[in-house]
Structures are given as C-alpha cells and as structure tokens.
Amino acid sequence: MNSLTSLAVGFARFWYRFIVGDDWTVAAAAVAGLLFTALLNAHGIAAWWLVPLIVIGVVSLRPFRARRS
C-alpha cells in the first residue's frame, strides 16, 4: 500500500469516526433531518426549525437508550 492510499484510508477512517462516533443513530438522524429539511425547502416550506427539533429529540432520548444497554 503506497503512502497516498494510506493517507486516503486514514482520512476516511477519521471522518467516519468523527461523524458516526459511538452511536450511528445520531448520525443517521442528522442526515435524515438534513434531507427532510432540503425536501421541504424544495417544496417552498420553510423548515429551518426541523433540524434543531430532531437534535433535541435525539439528545433527549440518548440517556434512556444508554440506561437500557
């Protein structure tokens, strides 16, 4: 493996760990929120409030999920 490939793999691993982290559901909720917001905005609906609402919901549910495991 050459140094450019090694650098690319390291870069990809860093971003995966940074974005996904310990809980993939938070990353999935963020992506879903951004996609749904873009969809609503494309149809002329102001949806600036959706991503903060999803973040509050996901963060508030985390302690319950952590207690279960």
Protein backbone atom coordinates (compact mmCIF):
# COMPACT_ATOMS: atom_id res chain seq x y z
CA MET A 1 0.00 0.00 0.00
CA ASN A 2 1.53 3.29 -1.01
CA SER A 3 1.52 6.41 1.11
CA LEU A 4 -1.27 8.11 -0.88
CA THR A 5 -3.60 5.16 -0.35
CA SER A 6 -2.65 5.01 3.32
CA LEU A 7 -3.35 8.71 3.66
CA ALA A 8 -6.76 8.34 1.97
CA VAL A 9 -7.73 5.41 4.19
CA GLY A 10 -6.68 7.30 7.31
CA PHE A 11 -8.64 10.35 6.19
CA ALA A 12 -11.77 8.26 5.56
CA ARG A 13 -11.45 6.50 8.92
CA PHE A 14 -11.08 9.81 10.73
CA TRP A 15 -14.24 11.27 9.19
CA TYR A 16 -16.21 8.08 9.77
CA ARG A 17 -15.24 8.04 13.46
CA PHE A 18 -15.82 11.80 13.77
CA ILE A 19 -19.28 11.75 12.21
CA VAL A 20 -20.60 8.38 13.39
CA GLY A 21 -18.72 8.18 16.68
CA ASP A 22 -20.16 5.84 19.29
CA ASP A 23 -23.76 5.92 18.13
CA TRP A 24 -24.68 5.57 14.47
CA THR A 25 -28.29 6.52 15.18
CA VAL A 26 -27.36 10.12 15.95
CA ALA A 27 -25.54 10.40 12.62
CA ALA A 28 -28.46 8.77 10.81
CA ALA A 29 -30.93 11.16 12.46
CA ALA A 30 -28.81 14.15 11.47
CA VAL A 31 -28.62 13.01 7.84
CA ALA A 32 -32.35 12.26 7.75
CA GLY A 33 -33.12 15.67 9.24
CA LEU A 34 -30.98 17.47 6.69
CA LEU A 35 -32.52 15.51 3.81
CA PHE A 36 -36.07 16.09 5.02
CA THR A 37 -35.33 19.81 5.53
CA ALA A 38 -33.98 20.04 1.98
CA LEU A 39 -37.08 18.27 0.67
CA LEU A 40 -39.41 20.65 2.49
CA ASN A 41 -37.42 23.68 1.34
CA ALA A 42 -37.59 22.44 -2.26
CA HIS A 43 -41.38 22.50 -1.96
CA GLY A 44 -41.37 26.06 -0.62
CA ILE A 45 -41.89 25.22 3.06
CA ALA A 46 -39.59 27.00 5.50
CA ALA A 47 -38.15 24.16 7.58
CA TRP A 48 -35.33 25.82 9.49
CA TRP A 49 -36.87 24.53 12.74
CA LEU A 50 -36.70 20.84 11.82
CA VAL A 51 -33.01 20.07 12.43
CA PRO A 52 -32.91 21.69 15.91
CA LEU A 53 -36.08 19.78 16.79
CA ILE A 54 -34.52 16.48 15.68
CA VAL A 55 -31.31 17.22 17.60
CA ILE A 56 -33.27 17.96 20.78
CA GLY A 57 -35.26 14.76 20.33
CA VAL A 58 -32.25 12.54 19.69
CA VAL A 59 -30.19 14.04 22.51
CA SER A 60 -33.07 13.76 24.97
CA LEU A 61 -33.61 10.08 24.11
CA ARG A 62 -29.94 9.13 24.49
CA PRO A 63 -29.94 8.72 28.29
CA PHE A 64 -32.86 6.28 28.06
CA ARG A 65 -31.05 4.22 25.42
CA ALA A 66 -27.83 4.27 27.46
CA ARG A 67 -29.63 3.09 30.56
CA ARG A 68 -31.11 0.12 28.65
CA SER A 69 -27.75 -1.18 27.48
